[in-house]
Amino acid sequence: MIDRIVVWALTLKTRARGERGQDIMEYAIITGSIAVALVLALVFFTSKLDGWFTAMGDFFADLVPAA
């Protein structure tokens, strides 16, 4: 009975060690995908973002009285 517990514990430790690398790769793939998506979003929506920030700047500039 003890030998079965020892074998089970060793295989459990081996499985945990092998899955840790898999988790790191999954996080790396997810992080890379998010980074690529953000870069693509910035490339495609640059003009719209520029217009939005300009409109917001004009809005707040109108709220402040001229000196």
PDB file of N, CA and C in Angstrom:
ATOM      1  N   MET A   1       0.830  -1.197   0.000  1.00  0.00           N
ATOM      2  CA  MET A   1       0.000   0.000   0.000  1.00  0.00           C
ATOM      3  C   MET A   1       0.873   1.259   0.000  1.00  0.00           C
ATOM      4  N   ILE A   2       1.912   1.270   0.792  1.00  0.00           N
ATOM      5  CA  ILE A   2       2.796   2.439   0.866  1.00  0.00           C
ATOM      6  C   ILE A   2       3.472   2.675  -0.482  1.00  0.00           C
ATOM      7  N   ASP A   3       3.871   1.585  -1.148  1.00  0.00           N
ATOM      8  CA  ASP A   3       4.540   1.759  -2.436  1.00  0.00           C
ATOM      9  C   ASP A   3       3.603   2.379  -3.473  1.00  0.00           C
ATOM     10  N   ARG A   4       2.322   2.076  -3.422  1.00  0.00           N
ATOM     11  CA  ARG A   4       1.367   2.703  -4.334  1.00  0.00           C
ATOM     12  C   ARG A   4       1.231   4.192  -4.054  1.00  0.00           C
ATOM     13  N   ILE A   5       1.229   4.581  -2.793  1.00  0.00           N
ATOM     14  CA  ILE A   5       1.138   6.000  -2.426  1.00  0.00           C
ATOM     15  C   ILE A   5       2.369   6.748  -2.899  1.00  0.00           C
ATOM     16  N   VAL A   6       3.541   6.126  -2.738  1.00  0.00           N
ATOM     17  CA  VAL A   6       4.784   6.773  -3.181  1.00  0.00           C
ATOM     18  C   VAL A   6       4.777   6.945  -4.696  1.00  0.00           C
ATOM     19  N   VAL A   7       4.375   5.923  -5.424  1.00  0.00           N
ATOM     20  CA  VAL A   7       4.319   6.018  -6.887  1.00  0.00           C
ATOM     21  C   VAL A   7       3.311   7.090  -7.303  1.00  0.00           C
ATOM     22  N   TRP A   8       2.153   7.120  -6.642  1.00  0.00           N
ATOM     23  CA  TRP A   8       1.138   8.133  -6.966  1.00  0.00           C
ATOM     24  C   TRP A   8       1.676   9.534  -6.706  1.00  0.00           C
ATOM     25  N   ALA A   9       2.373   9.725  -5.586  1.00  0.00           N
ATOM     26  CA  ALA A   9       2.907  11.046  -5.249  1.00  0.00           C
ATOM     27  C   ALA A   9       3.967  11.475  -6.253  1.00  0.00           C
ATOM     28  N   LEU A  10       4.810  10.545  -6.683  1.00  0.00           N
ATOM     29  CA  LEU A  10       5.851  10.895  -7.657  1.00  0.00           C
ATOM     30  C   LEU A  10       5.255  11.233  -9.015  1.00  0.00           C
ATOM     31  N   THR A  11       4.242  10.490  -9.450  1.00  0.00           N
ATOM     32  CA  THR A  11       3.619  10.817 -10.737  1.00  0.00           C
ATOM     33  C   THR A  11       2.860  12.136 -10.657  1.00  0.00           C
ATOM     34  N   LEU A  12       2.270  12.413  -9.516  1.00  0.00           N
ATOM     35  CA  LEU A  12       1.581  13.691  -9.342  1.00  0.00           C
ATOM     36  C   LEU A  12       2.569  14.839  -9.422  1.00  0.00           C
ATOM     37  N   LYS A  13       3.724  14.698  -8.800  1.00  0.00           N
ATOM     38  CA  LYS A  13       4.751  15.730  -8.837  1.00  0.00           C
ATOM     39  C   LYS A  13       5.263  15.926 -10.261  1.00  0.00           C
ATOM     40  N   THR A  14       5.450  14.834 -10.991  1.00  0.00           N
ATOM     41  CA  THR A  14       5.919  14.921 -12.373  1.00  0.00           C
ATOM     42  C   THR A  14       4.885  15.610 -13.254  1.00  0.00           C
ATOM     43  N   ARG A  15       3.620  15.275 -13.074  1.00  0.00           N
ATOM     44  CA  ARG A  15       2.565  15.920 -13.859  1.00  0.00           C
ATOM     45  C   ARG A  15       2.492  17.412 -13.566  1.00  0.00           C
ATOM     46  N   ALA A  16       2.597  17.778 -12.302  1.00  0.00           N
ATOM     47  CA  ALA A  16       2.529  19.201 -11.933  1.00  0.00           C
ATOM     48  C   ALA A  16       3.691  19.961 -12.538  1.00  0.00           C
ATOM     49  N   ARG A  17       4.859  19.352 -12.572  1.00  0.00           N
ATOM     50  CA  ARG A  17       6.031  20.020 -13.127  1.00  0.00           C
ATOM     51  C   ARG A  17       5.854  20.232 -14.627  1.00  0.00           C
ATOM     52  N   GLY A  18       5.293  19.252 -15.333  1.00  0.00           N
ATOM     53  CA  GLY A  18       5.101  19.363 -16.772  1.00  0.00           C
ATOM     54  C   GLY A  18       4.021  20.362 -17.142  1.00  0.00           C
ATOM     55  N   GLU A  19       3.010  20.503 -16.324  1.00  0.00           N
ATOM     56  CA  GLU A  19       1.917  21.414 -16.641  1.00  0.00           C
ATOM     57  C   GLU A  19       2.268  22.862 -16.349  1.00  0.00           C
ATOM     58  N   ARG A  20       3.260  23.090 -15.513  1.00  0.00           N
ATOM     59  CA  ARG A  20       3.633  24.465 -15.200  1.00  0.00           C
ATOM     60  C   ARG A  20       4.148  25.178 -16.448  1.00  0.00           C
ATOM     61  N   GLY A  21       4.962  24.495 -17.241  1.00  0.00           N
ATOM     62  CA  GLY A  21       5.458  25.083 -18.481  1.00  0.00           C
ATOM     63  C   GLY A  21       4.345  25.347 -19.469  1.00  0.00           C
ATOM     64  N   GLN A  22       3.360  24.481 -19.480  1.00  0.00           N
ATOM     65  CA  GLN A  22       2.210  24.667 -20.365  1.00  0.00           C
ATOM     66  C   GLN A  22       1.439  25.918 -19.970  1.00  0.00           C
ATOM     67  N   ASP A  23       1.260  26.153 -18.682  1.00  0.00           N
ATOM     68  CA  ASP A  23       0.561  27.353 -18.222  1.00  0.00           C
ATOM     69  C   ASP A  23       1.299  28.613 -18.644  1.00  0.00           C
ATOM     70  N   ILE A  24       2.619  28.601 -18.540  1.00  0.00           N
ATOM     71  CA  ILE A  24       3.412  29.769 -18.927  1.00  0.00           C
ATOM     72  C   ILE A  24       3.240  30.044 -20.416  1.00  0.00           C
ATOM     73  N   MET A  25       3.242  28.998 -21.228  1.00  0.00           N
ATOM     74  CA  MET A  25       3.062  29.193 -22.663  1.00  0.00           C
ATOM     75  C   MET A  25       1.662  29.726 -22.975  1.00  0.00           C
ATOM     76  N   GLU A  26       0.658  29.253 -22.274  1.00  0.00           N
ATOM     77  CA  GLU A  26      -0.691  29.756 -22.504  1.00  0.00           C
ATOM     78  C   GLU A  26      -0.784  31.236 -22.166  1.00  0.00           C
ATOM     79  N   TYR A  27      -0.195  31.638 -21.044  1.00  0.00           N
ATOM     80  CA  TYR A  27      -0.204  33.054 -20.673  1.00  0.00           C
ATOM     81  C   TYR A  27       0.590  33.890 -21.684  1.00  0.00           C
ATOM     82  N   ALA A  28       1.685  33.353 -22.178  1.00  0.00           N
ATOM     83  CA  ALA A  28       2.479  34.083 -23.171  1.00  0.00           C
ATOM     84  C   ALA A  28       1.697  34.265 -24.466  1.00  0.00           C
ATOM     85  N   ILE A  29       0.976  33.243 -24.883  1.00  0.00           N
ATOM     86  CA  ILE A  29       0.179  33.347 -26.108  1.00  0.00           C
ATOM     87  C   ILE A  29      -0.955  34.347 -25.924  1.00  0.00           C
ATOM     88  N   ILE A  30      -1.612  34.310 -24.782  1.00  0.00           N
ATOM     89  CA  ILE A  30      -2.700  35.259 -24.515  1.00  0.00           C
ATOM     90  C   ILE A  30      -2.164  36.682 -24.474  1.00  0.00           C
ATOM     91  N   THR A  31      -1.052  36.891 -23.782  1.00  0.00           N
ATOM     92  CA  THR A  31      -0.453  38.229 -23.687  1.00  0.00           C
ATOM     93  C   THR A  31      -0.023  38.728 -25.057  1.00  0.00           C
ATOM     94  N   GLY A  32       0.586  37.873 -25.848  1.00  0.00           N
ATOM     95  CA  GLY A  32       0.990  38.263 -27.200  1.00  0.00           C
ATOM     96  C   GLY A  32      -0.197  38.605 -28.076  1.00  0.00           C
ATOM     97  N   SER A  33      -1.266  37.842 -27.953  1.00  0.00           N
ATOM     98  CA  SER A  33      -2.466  38.120 -28.744  1.00  0.00           C
ATOM     99  C   SER A  33      -3.084  39.465 -28.371  1.00  0.00           C
ATOM    100  N   ILE A  34      -3.109  39.757 -27.083  1.00  0.00           N
ATOM    101  CA  ILE A  34      -3.646  41.046 -26.636  1.00  0.00           C
ATOM    102  C   ILE A  34      -2.773  42.191 -27.151  1.00  0.00           C
ATOM    103  N   ALA A  35      -1.455  42.016 -27.111  1.00  0.00           N
ATOM    104  CA  ALA A  35      -0.552  43.060 -27.596  1.00  0.00           C
ATOM    105  C   ALA A  35      -0.757  43.307 -29.090  1.00  0.00           C
ATOM    106  N   VAL A  36      -0.882  42.245 -29.861  1.00  0.00           N
ATOM    107  CA  VAL A  36      -1.105  42.398 -31.305  1.00  0.00           C
ATOM    108  C   VAL A  36      -2.443  43.080 -31.562  1.00  0.00           C
ATOM    109  N   ALA A  37      -3.467  42.707 -30.824  1.00  0.00           N
ATOM    110  CA  ALA A  37      -4.784  43.328 -30.999  1.00  0.00           C
ATOM    111  C   ALA A  37      -4.738  44.823 -30.673  1.00  0.00           C
ATOM    112  N   LEU A  38      -4.015  45.193 -29.616  1.00  0.00           N
ATOM    113  CA  LEU A  38      -3.911  46.620 -29.271  1.00  0.00           C
ATOM    114  C   LEU A  38      -3.169  47.404 -30.342  1.00  0.00           C
ATOM    115  N   VAL A  39      -2.101  46.849 -30.870  1.00  0.00           N
ATOM    116  CA  VAL A  39      -1.347  47.544 -31.928  1.00  0.00           C
ATOM    117  C   VAL A  39      -2.216  47.700 -33.166  1.00  0.00           C
ATOM    118  N   LEU A  40      -2.925  46.649 -33.550  1.00  0.00           N
ATOM    119  CA  LEU A  40      -3.806  46.755 -34.720  1.00  0.00           C
ATOM    120  C   LEU A  40      -4.917  47.771 -34.497  1.00  0.00           C
ATOM    121  N   ALA A  41      -5.470  47.801 -33.289  1.00  0.00           N
ATOM    122  CA  ALA A  41      -6.516  48.776 -32.989  1.00  0.00           C
ATOM    123  C   ALA A  41      -5.976  50.201 -33.091  1.00  0.00           C
ATOM    124  N   LEU A  42      -4.778  50.419 -32.584  1.00  0.00           N
ATOM    125  CA  LEU A  42      -4.192  51.764 -32.679  1.00  0.00           C
ATOM    126  C   LEU A  42      -3.896  52.149 -34.118  1.00  0.00           C
ATOM    127  N   VAL A  43      -3.446  51.195 -34.921  1.00  0.00           N
ATOM    128  CA  VAL A  43      -3.147  51.495 -36.328  1.00  0.00           C
ATOM    129  C   VAL A  43      -4.423  51.853 -37.089  1.00  0.00           C
ATOM    130  N   PHE A  44      -5.480  51.080 -36.885  1.00  0.00           N
ATOM    131  CA  PHE A  44      -6.703  51.308 -37.655  1.00  0.00           C
ATOM    132  C   PHE A  44      -7.552  52.458 -37.137  1.00  0.00           C
ATOM    133  N   PHE A  45      -7.465  52.771 -35.852  1.00  0.00           N
ATOM    134  CA  PHE A  45      -8.336  53.798 -35.283  1.00  0.00           C
ATOM    135  C   PHE A  45      -7.601  55.072 -34.891  1.00  0.00           C
ATOM    136  N   THR A  46      -6.403  55.287 -35.422  1.00  0.00           N
ATOM    137  CA  THR A  46      -5.624  56.471 -35.066  1.00  0.00           C
ATOM    138  C   THR A  46      -6.353  57.755 -35.428  1.00  0.00           C
ATOM    139  N   SER A  47      -6.900  57.827 -36.621  1.00  0.00           N
ATOM    140  CA  SER A  47      -7.565  59.065 -37.054  1.00  0.00           C
ATOM    141  C   SER A  47      -8.821  59.325 -36.225  1.00  0.00           C
ATOM    142  N   LYS A  48      -9.572  58.268 -35.906  1.00  0.00           N
ATOM    143  CA  LYS A  48     -10.773  58.464 -35.092  1.00  0.00           C
ATOM    144  C   LYS A  48     -10.404  58.895 -33.674  1.00  0.00           C
ATOM    145  N   LEU A  49      -9.354  58.297 -33.130  1.00  0.00           N
ATOM    146  CA  LEU A  49      -8.918  58.693 -31.790  1.00  0.00           C
ATOM    147  C   LEU A  49      -8.410  60.128 -31.783  1.00  0.00           C
ATOM    148  N   ASP A  50      -7.701  60.510 -32.831  1.00  0.00           N
ATOM    149  CA  ASP A  50      -7.202  61.882 -32.922  1.00  0.00           C
ATOM    150  C   ASP A  50      -8.367  62.865 -32.975  1.00  0.00           C
ATOM    151  N   GLY A  51      -9.379  62.541 -33.759  1.00  0.00           N
ATOM    152  CA  GLY A  51     -10.558  63.411 -33.835  1.00  0.00           C
ATOM    153  C   GLY A  51     -11.298  63.483 -32.503  1.00  0.00           C
ATOM    154  N   TRP A  52     -11.383  62.354 -31.820  1.00  0.00           N
ATOM    155  CA  TRP A  52     -12.075  62.327 -30.528  1.00  0.00           C
ATOM    156  C   TRP A  52     -11.330  63.169 -29.498  1.00  0.00           C
ATOM    157  N   PHE A  53     -10.000  63.024 -29.431  1.00  0.00           N
ATOM    158  CA  PHE A  53      -9.231  63.813 -28.468  1.00  0.00           C
ATOM    159  C   PHE A  53      -9.264  65.299 -28.813  1.00  0.00           C
ATOM    160  N   THR A  54      -9.276  65.620 -30.092  1.00  0.00           N
ATOM    161  CA  THR A  54      -9.379  67.026 -30.497  1.00  0.00           C
ATOM    162  C   THR A  54     -10.731  67.601 -30.079  1.00  0.00           C
ATOM    163  N   ALA A  55     -11.793  66.843 -30.286  1.00  0.00           N
ATOM    164  CA  ALA A  55     -13.126  67.303 -29.896  1.00  0.00           C
ATOM    165  C   ALA A  55     -13.220  67.483 -28.381  1.00  0.00           C
ATOM    166  N   MET A  56     -12.645  66.557 -27.625  1.00  0.00           N
ATOM    167  CA  MET A  56     -12.668  66.683 -26.169  1.00  0.00           C
ATOM    168  C   MET A  56     -11.846  67.895 -25.713  1.00  0.00           C
ATOM    169  N   GLY A  57     -10.708  68.117 -26.362  1.00  0.00           N
ATOM    170  CA  GLY A  57      -9.891  69.281 -26.019  1.00  0.00           C
ATOM    171  C   GLY A  57     -10.619  70.583 -26.305  1.00  0.00           C
ATOM    172  N   ASP A  58     -11.298  70.635 -27.446  1.00  0.00           N
ATOM    173  CA  ASP A  58     -12.082  71.830 -27.787  1.00  0.00           C
ATOM    174  C   ASP A  58     -13.225  72.033 -26.796  1.00  0.00           C
ATOM    175  N   PHE A  59     -13.877  70.948 -26.387  1.00  0.00           N
ATOM    176  CA  PHE A  59     -14.973  71.039 -25.422  1.00  0.00           C
ATOM    177  C   PHE A  59     -14.489  71.631 -24.118  1.00  0.00           C
ATOM    178  N   PHE A  60     -13.376  71.113 -23.600  1.00  0.00           N
ATOM    179  CA  PHE A  60     -12.869  71.623 -22.326  1.00  0.00           C
ATOM    180  C   PHE A  60     -12.264  73.011 -22.451  1.00  0.00           C
ATOM    181  N   ALA A  61     -11.733  73.332 -23.631  1.00  0.00           N
ATOM    182  CA  ALA A  61     -11.212  74.674 -23.858  1.00  0.00           C
ATOM    183  C   ALA A  61     -12.340  75.692 -23.842  1.00  0.00           C
ATOM    184  N   ASP A  62     -13.510  75.328 -24.310  1.00  0.00           N
ATOM    185  CA  ASP A  62     -14.659  76.225 -24.301  1.00  0.00           C
ATOM    186  C   ASP A  62     -15.198  76.454 -22.893  1.00  0.00           C
ATOM    187  N   LEU A  63     -14.955  75.505 -22.001  1.00  0.00           N
ATOM    188  CA  LEU A  63     -15.434  75.659 -20.626  1.00  0.00           C
ATOM    189  C   LEU A  63     -14.608  76.651 -19.823  1.00  0.00           C
ATOM    190  N   VAL A  64     -13.341  76.792 -20.179  1.00  0.00           N
ATOM    191  CA  VAL A  64     -12.437  77.677 -19.450  1.00  0.00           C
ATOM    192  C   VAL A  64     -12.496  79.054 -20.093  1.00  0.00           C
ATOM    193  N   PRO A  65     -12.763  80.103 -19.296  1.00  0.00           N
ATOM    194  CA  PRO A  65     -12.806  81.449 -19.889  1.00  0.00           C
ATOM    195  C   PRO A  65     -11.409  81.892 -20.341  1.00  0.00           C
ATOM    196  N   ALA A  66     -11.409  82.650 -21.425  1.00  0.00           N
ATOM    197  CA  ALA A  66     -10.145  83.151 -21.961  1.00  0.00           C
ATOM    198  C   ALA A  66      -9.542  84.180 -21.016  1.00  0.00           C
ATOM    199  N   ALA A  67      -8.242  84.140 -20.894  1.00  0.00           N
ATOM    200  CA  ALA A  67      -7.562  85.060 -19.990  1.00  0.00           C
ATOM    201  C   ALA A  67      -7.273  86.373 -20.645  1.00  0.00           C
TER     202      ALA A  67
END
